Amino acid sequence: MKDFSIQPATLTPAEYNSLLGFAQRAGAKVISMDVSWSSYEPNGPAPAGEWSNLDAFVNDAGHRGMKLRFQLVGFPDWARDRGDPSSAAAAWLAPSSPAELARWSQFVTRVVRNFGPKVTYYEIWNEENISTFWSAGPNPSQYANLLERSYLAIKAIDPSAEVMFGGLSRNDVGFLKRTYDAIDRQFPATAVRDDHFFDILGVHPYSDNRSPSAVKSNEVYHDAWGTMDENFLGIELLHNLMAAQGEGWKHLYIGEYGFSTAAWEKFSPVPDATRARYLTKAFALVARLGYVDGLCWYYTYSTPWNPSSWALLQGSYPNYRPTRTFEALAAIPG
């Protein structure tokens, strides 16, 4: 399925409906977005109706026949234990103590109770295997606790919801294995019964400026957790690991993959015509694998956090201009 990312918290209804129109033109089946606890409940648990702007967006996407993927992230200052750094100092600090996890679980419960079956996927955090998005330093044991509390809170209200393991930065096989081990160790009575607290594995298999079909041996190495594969097709190793854990029936979801047309941090530039070909090839590769449920191209449109060099749409509302990469996405059947 094609996944189109839109962040309605920073948009007017006219702006996000324009983007929903482009999503339809591209044939998107899923709309993904961050639901940041810090943004939606900055001062304490929100009363009923507090999320009316998000309700409107969810309804508008639903009326267009699109599924929703919520990536649950964020940790407001009011919910942190005394002594924790503020979000200004550690924006991606995750809940970790029993009290913080209890507050997180209550937040997740409020989200799922409010939206119910309107949301298909609940993704738990983002790139928890790197310090950029896990401020205290990646920790499989801590992530196992967050995943368990989230899974139980979601399934208690909507058993049909798909709980997604937070999108891994690259194909971090070692971190996934360490998280499996932590879950087995910390929750021996329920780990297997509850499918290790996730239904589908999120991954962000960026491959710098290399084609998704390129497989280079020097991009497979050992890091602090074990095997890391920075080839796009390293996703196969992740699925093999789940199969070895007795969960080969689980699928993957590529929550981010893309290329920048300009040099950006450690990423080399890829011309728009080339990345359009890469997009077509990536969708063909995952279709053949048969166990990847969705692919979200990073990124849809430029924002303060997502530069235009990554975007499928150039310009701004109401004058968005589709790139060749966008047209390649629209040309893919289904």
Protein backbone atom coordinates (compact mmCIF):
# COMPACT_ATOMS: atom_id res chain seq x y z
CA MET A 1 0.00 0.00 0.00
CA LYS A 2 1.10 3.53 -0.72
CA ASP A 3 1.37 5.63 2.43
CA PHE A 4 1.26 9.46 2.29
CA SER A 5 2.51 11.42 5.31
CA ILE A 6 0.64 14.57 6.41
CA GLN A 7 1.02 16.49 9.68
CA PRO A 8 -2.34 18.25 10.30
CA ALA A 9 -1.31 19.92 13.56
CA THR A 10 0.52 22.63 11.59
CA LEU A 11 -2.03 22.97 8.77
CA THR A 12 -5.39 24.60 8.16
CA PRO A 13 -8.25 22.42 6.89
CA ALA A 14 -7.81 23.94 3.42
CA GLU A 15 -4.12 23.07 3.45
CA TYR A 16 -4.50 19.49 4.61
CA ASN A 17 -7.43 18.85 2.28
CA SER A 18 -5.25 20.01 -0.61
CA LEU A 19 -2.64 17.45 0.46
CA LEU A 20 -5.30 14.76 0.86
CA GLY A 21 -6.24 15.49 -2.73
CA PHE A 22 -2.66 14.86 -3.84
CA ALA A 23 -2.67 11.66 -1.77
CA GLN A 24 -5.71 10.46 -3.69
CA ARG A 25 -4.08 11.42 -6.98
CA ALA A 26 -1.05 9.34 -5.98
CA GLY A 27 -3.25 6.38 -5.11
CA ALA A 28 -2.40 6.41 -1.40
CA LYS A 29 -4.30 3.96 0.77
CA VAL A 30 -2.88 5.11 4.13
CA ILE A 31 -2.28 8.54 5.67
CA SER A 32 0.41 8.57 8.32
CA MET A 33 1.10 11.22 10.93
CA ASP A 34 2.82 11.86 14.23
CA VAL A 35 0.58 12.07 17.27
CA SER A 36 2.87 13.73 19.77
CA TRP A 37 1.81 13.58 23.39
CA SER A 38 3.71 16.83 23.94
CA SER A 39 1.75 18.60 21.20
CA TYR A 40 -1.75 17.33 21.89
CA GLU A 41 -1.60 17.34 25.70
CA PRO A 42 1.00 19.99 26.59
CA ASN A 43 -0.55 20.91 29.94
CA GLY A 44 -2.18 17.70 31.19
CA PRO A 45 -4.70 15.07 30.12
CA ALA A 46 -6.99 16.57 27.49
CA PRO A 47 -10.72 16.80 28.23
CA ALA A 48 -13.25 15.45 25.76
CA GLY A 49 -13.27 17.48 22.56
CA GLU A 50 -9.77 18.89 23.05
CA TRP A 51 -8.55 17.16 19.89
CA SER A 52 -11.27 18.53 17.63
CA ASN A 53 -8.79 19.59 14.91
CA LEU A 54 -7.33 16.08 14.79
CA ASP A 55 -10.84 14.58 14.83
CA ALA A 56 -11.72 16.66 11.77
CA PHE A 57 -8.61 15.53 9.89
CA VAL A 58 -9.24 11.86 10.72
CA ASN A 59 -12.82 12.18 9.54
CA ASP A 60 -11.81 13.91 6.30
CA ALA A 61 -9.24 11.20 5.53
CA GLY A 62 -11.78 8.51 6.38
CA HIS A 63 -14.38 10.03 4.08
CA ARG A 64 -11.85 9.65 1.25
CA GLY A 65 -11.56 5.94 2.03
CA MET A 66 -8.08 6.13 3.54
CA LYS A 67 -6.70 4.24 6.51
CA LEU A 68 -4.76 6.04 9.26
CA ARG A 69 -1.37 5.31 10.80
CA PHE A 70 -0.66 7.13 14.07
CA GLN A 71 2.95 7.23 15.21
CA LEU A 72 2.72 7.77 18.97
CA VAL A 73 5.66 9.82 20.24
CA GLY A 74 6.47 12.67 22.61
CA PHE A 75 6.71 13.15 26.36
CA PRO A 76 5.35 16.41 27.85
CA ASP A 77 7.11 18.01 30.80
CA TRP A 78 4.11 17.62 33.10
CA ALA A 79 4.23 13.81 32.75
CA ARG A 80 7.94 13.46 33.55
CA ASP A 81 9.26 12.34 36.90
CA ARG A 82 10.91 14.96 39.06
CA GLY A 83 14.56 15.23 38.07
CA ASP A 84 14.03 14.36 34.42
CA PRO A 85 15.35 16.91 31.92
CA SER A 86 12.75 19.12 30.25
CA SER A 87 11.67 18.54 26.69
CA ALA A 88 13.78 21.56 25.73
CA ALA A 89 16.87 19.64 26.89
CA ALA A 90 15.81 16.14 25.86
CA ALA A 91 13.00 16.37 23.33
CA TRP A 92 13.11 12.63 22.57
CA LEU A 93 13.36 11.34 26.12
CA ALA A 94 10.97 8.39 26.37
CA PRO A 95 8.92 7.36 29.42
CA SER A 96 10.93 4.81 31.38
CA SER A 97 10.04 4.65 35.09
CA PRO A 98 6.96 2.70 36.26
CA ALA A 99 5.14 5.97 36.99
CA GLU A 100 6.00 7.46 33.59
CA LEU A 101 4.97 4.28 31.80
CA ALA A 102 1.65 4.35 33.66
CA ARG A 103 1.03 7.92 32.47
CA TRP A 104 2.02 6.95 28.93
CA SER A 105 -0.40 4.03 29.03
CA GLN A 106 -3.19 6.40 30.09
CA PHE A 107 -2.35 8.72 27.16
CA VAL A 108 -2.46 5.80 24.71
CA THR A 109 -5.79 4.74 26.20
CA ARG A 110 -7.22 8.22 25.66
CA VAL A 111 -6.07 8.25 22.02
CA VAL A 112 -7.50 4.83 21.18
CA ARG A 113 -10.74 5.48 23.06
CA ASN A 114 -11.21 8.73 21.15
CA PHE A 115 -10.50 7.38 17.65
CA GLY A 116 -11.43 3.72 17.92
CA PRO A 117 -11.54 1.82 14.61
CA LYS A 118 -10.92 5.00 12.59
CA VAL A 119 -7.19 4.32 13.09
CA THR A 120 -5.77 1.10 11.68
CA TYR A 121 -2.12 1.29 12.79
CA TYR A 122 -0.60 2.53 16.05
CA GLU A 123 3.18 2.81 15.76
CA ILE A 124 5.07 2.95 19.05
CA TRP A 125 7.79 5.62 18.91
CA ASN A 126 10.24 6.44 16.12
CA GLU A 127 13.75 5.11 15.48
CA GLU A 128 14.20 4.02 19.08
CA ASN A 129 17.46 2.31 18.10
CA ILE A 130 19.39 5.59 17.71
CA SER A 131 20.14 8.28 20.28
CA THR A 132 18.65 11.02 18.08
CA PHE A 133 15.18 9.68 18.91
CA TRP A 134 15.87 7.91 22.22
CA SER A 135 17.59 10.66 24.19
CA ALA A 136 18.77 8.51 27.09
CA GLY A 137 20.60 6.22 24.64
CA PRO A 138 18.99 3.26 22.84
CA ASN A 139 17.95 0.57 25.29
CA PRO A 140 16.12 -2.60 24.16
CA SER A 141 14.97 -3.30 27.71
CA GLN A 142 13.38 0.13 28.08
CA TYR A 143 11.80 -0.08 24.66
CA ALA A 144 10.38 -3.51 25.55
CA ASN A 145 8.61 -1.92 28.53
CA LEU A 146 7.17 0.89 26.40
CA LEU A 147 6.00 -1.56 23.75
CA GLU A 148 4.33 -3.86 26.30
CA ARG A 149 2.42 -1.05 28.02
CA SER A 150 1.32 0.38 24.67
CA TYR A 151 0.19 -2.96 23.23
CA LEU A 152 -1.91 -3.82 26.27
CA ALA A 153 -3.53 -0.36 26.36
CA ILE A 154 -4.40 -0.47 22.65
CA LYS A 155 -5.69 -4.04 22.55
CA ALA A 156 -7.84 -3.50 25.65
CA ILE A 157 -9.93 -1.02 23.67
CA ASP A 158 -9.51 -2.09 20.04
CA PRO A 159 -8.31 -5.70 19.64
CA SER A 160 -8.37 -5.31 15.85
CA ALA A 161 -5.87 -2.44 15.82
CA GLU A 162 -2.42 -3.17 14.36
CA VAL A 163 0.33 -2.36 16.87
CA MET A 164 3.54 -1.49 15.07
CA PHE A 165 7.06 -1.86 16.43
CA GLY A 166 8.50 1.67 16.04
CA GLY A 167 10.26 2.19 12.71
CA LEU A 168 13.89 1.13 13.08
CA SER A 169 16.59 3.35 11.67
CA ARG A 170 18.03 1.13 8.91
CA ASN A 171 17.75 -2.67 9.10
CA ASP A 172 18.93 -3.03 12.68
CA VAL A 173 18.68 -6.79 13.09
CA GLY A 174 20.71 -6.70 16.30
CA PHE A 175 18.43 -4.25 18.06
CA LEU A 176 15.35 -6.24 17.08
CA LYS A 177 16.93 -9.44 18.43
CA ARG A 178 17.90 -7.73 21.68
CA THR A 179 14.34 -6.44 22.07
CA TYR A 180 12.93 -9.93 21.53
CA ASP A 181 15.34 -11.19 24.20
CA ALA A 182 14.36 -8.40 26.60
CA ILE A 183 10.65 -9.13 26.15
CA ASP A 184 11.18 -12.85 26.78
CA ARG A 185 13.21 -12.06 29.90
CA GLN A 186 10.98 -9.32 31.33
CA PHE A 187 7.56 -10.81 30.45
CA PRO A 188 8.05 -14.59 30.44
CA ALA A 189 4.38 -15.37 31.14
CA THR A 190 2.93 -13.22 28.34
CA ALA A 191 5.63 -12.63 25.69
CA VAL A 192 4.68 -15.51 23.40
CA ARG A 193 0.96 -15.35 24.17
CA ASP A 194 0.86 -11.68 23.17
CA ASP A 195 3.12 -12.05 20.11
CA HIS A 196 5.94 -10.09 21.74
CA PHE A 197 3.64 -7.06 21.91
CA PHE A 198 3.59 -6.10 18.23
CA ASP A 199 1.67 -7.17 15.14
CA ILE A 200 3.82 -5.62 12.44
CA LEU A 201 7.43 -4.40 12.29
CA GLY A 202 8.21 -0.83 11.28
CA VAL A 203 11.49 -0.07 9.50
CA HIS A 204 13.20 2.85 7.71
CA PRO A 205 15.65 1.10 5.33
CA TYR A 206 17.40 4.16 3.88
CA SER A 207 20.20 3.32 1.45
CA ASP A 208 21.93 6.72 1.08
CA ASN A 209 22.18 7.40 -2.68
CA ARG A 210 22.19 3.73 -3.72
CA SER A 211 19.45 2.00 -5.68
CA PRO A 212 17.11 -0.13 -3.54
CA SER A 213 18.21 -3.14 -5.61
CA ALA A 214 21.91 -2.61 -4.83
CA VAL A 215 23.36 -5.07 -2.33
CA LYS A 216 26.84 -4.23 -1.05
CA SER A 217 28.64 -6.46 1.43
CA ASN A 218 30.40 -3.53 3.08
CA GLU A 219 27.00 -2.10 4.10
CA VAL A 220 26.46 -5.10 6.41
CA TYR A 221 28.39 -4.85 9.66
CA HIS A 222 28.21 -5.40 13.40
CA ASP A 223 27.33 -2.54 15.74
CA ALA A 224 26.66 -2.43 19.49
CA TRP A 225 23.59 -4.65 19.16
CA GLY A 226 24.60 -7.12 16.45
CA THR A 227 23.98 -7.15 12.70
CA MET A 228 23.16 -3.89 10.92
CA ASP A 229 22.34 -3.96 7.20
CA GLU A 230 22.20 -0.62 5.38
CA ASN A 231 21.10 -2.12 2.08
CA PHE A 232 17.41 -1.61 1.31
CA LEU A 233 16.93 -5.35 0.91
CA GLY A 234 18.32 -5.91 4.39
CA ILE A 235 14.63 -5.94 5.31
CA GLU A 236 14.81 -9.64 4.42
CA LEU A 237 17.09 -10.23 7.42
CA LEU A 238 14.52 -8.63 9.71
CA HIS A 239 11.80 -10.94 8.41
CA ASN A 240 14.11 -13.93 8.76
CA LEU A 241 14.70 -13.04 12.39
CA MET A 242 10.96 -12.84 13.10
CA ALA A 243 10.56 -16.24 11.44
CA ALA A 244 13.33 -17.64 13.66
CA GLN A 245 11.35 -16.35 16.65
CA GLY A 246 8.31 -18.33 15.47
CA GLU A 247 6.63 -15.22 14.05
CA GLY A 248 7.26 -15.51 10.34
CA TRP A 249 3.61 -14.63 9.76
CA LYS A 250 4.35 -11.05 10.78
CA HIS A 251 4.76 -8.46 8.06
CA LEU A 252 6.90 -5.33 7.71
CA TYR A 253 5.86 -1.74 7.13
CA ILE A 254 8.32 0.71 5.58
CA GLY A 255 7.39 3.90 7.38
CA GLU A 256 10.13 5.98 5.74
CA TYR A 257 12.25 5.57 2.61
CA GLY A 258 13.47 8.17 0.19
CA PHE A 259 16.25 10.30 -1.26
CA SER A 260 17.24 13.96 -1.13
CA THR A 261 17.97 15.89 -4.31
CA ALA A 262 20.58 17.92 -2.38
CA ALA A 263 23.29 16.81 0.04
CA TRP A 264 21.77 16.58 3.52
CA GLU A 265 23.70 15.59 6.63
CA LYS A 266 25.25 12.20 5.74
CA PHE A 267 23.04 11.65 2.69
CA SER A 268 24.42 12.13 -0.83
CA PRO A 269 22.22 13.88 -3.43
CA VAL A 270 20.10 11.96 -5.94
CA PRO A 271 18.58 13.78 -8.96
CA ASP A 272 14.79 13.77 -9.13
CA ALA A 273 14.72 11.64 -12.30
CA THR A 274 16.94 9.03 -10.64
CA ARG A 275 14.98 8.87 -7.41
CA ALA A 276 11.79 8.50 -9.46
CA ARG A 277 13.29 5.32 -10.90
CA TYR A 278 14.39 4.23 -7.44
CA LEU A 279 10.85 4.69 -6.11
CA THR A 280 9.41 2.50 -8.86
CA LYS A 281 12.07 -0.14 -8.19
CA ALA A 282 11.47 -0.09 -4.41
CA PHE A 283 7.76 -0.76 -4.82
CA ALA A 284 8.48 -3.58 -7.29
CA LEU A 285 10.96 -5.20 -4.89
CA VAL A 286 8.64 -5.19 -1.88
CA ALA A 287 5.73 -6.44 -3.99
CA ARG A 288 7.79 -9.51 -4.87
CA LEU A 289 8.68 -10.16 -1.24
CA GLY A 290 5.01 -10.42 -0.32
CA TYR A 291 5.34 -9.49 3.34
CA VAL A 292 5.64 -5.69 3.22
CA ASP A 293 2.25 -4.09 3.86
CA GLY A 294 3.04 -0.44 3.20
CA LEU A 295 5.69 2.00 2.00
CA CYS A 296 5.73 5.68 2.94
CA TRP A 297 8.01 7.90 0.85
CA TYR A 298 9.95 10.45 2.90
CA TYR A 299 8.72 13.14 2.52
CA THR A 300 5.45 14.43 1.06
CA TYR A 301 5.90 18.22 1.31
CA SER A 302 8.40 20.57 2.91
CA THR A 303 7.91 21.53 6.57
CA PRO A 304 10.19 23.18 9.15
CA TRP A 305 11.50 19.65 9.87
CA ASN A 306 11.42 18.15 6.38
CA PRO A 307 13.39 20.15 3.78
CA SER A 308 12.12 20.52 0.24
CA SER A 309 15.00 18.46 -1.18
CA TRP A 310 13.24 15.34 0.17
CA ALA A 311 9.71 16.29 -0.85
CA LEU A 312 7.44 14.78 -3.48
CA LEU A 313 5.70 18.15 -3.79
CA GLN A 314 7.59 21.40 -4.30
CA GLY A 315 6.34 24.85 -3.36
CA SER A 316 3.64 25.52 -0.83
CA TYR A 317 -0.15 25.73 -0.56
CA PRO A 318 -2.00 26.53 -2.76
CA ASN A 319 0.72 26.17 -5.41
CA TYR A 320 2.19 22.72 -4.84
CA ARG A 321 4.12 21.36 -7.85
CA PRO A 322 4.47 17.58 -8.26
CA THR A 323 7.99 16.26 -8.85
CA ARG A 324 8.88 13.44 -11.23
CA THR A 325 9.11 11.24 -8.15
CA PHE A 326 5.50 12.07 -7.27
CA GLU A 327 4.41 11.21 -10.81
CA ALA A 328 6.28 7.91 -10.56
CA LEU A 329 4.39 7.15 -7.35
CA ALA A 330 1.07 7.97 -9.01
CA ALA A 331 1.90 5.68 -11.92
CA ILE A 332 2.33 2.60 -9.73
CA PRO A 333 -0.84 0.45 -9.94
CA GLY A 334 -3.00 -0.05 -6.86
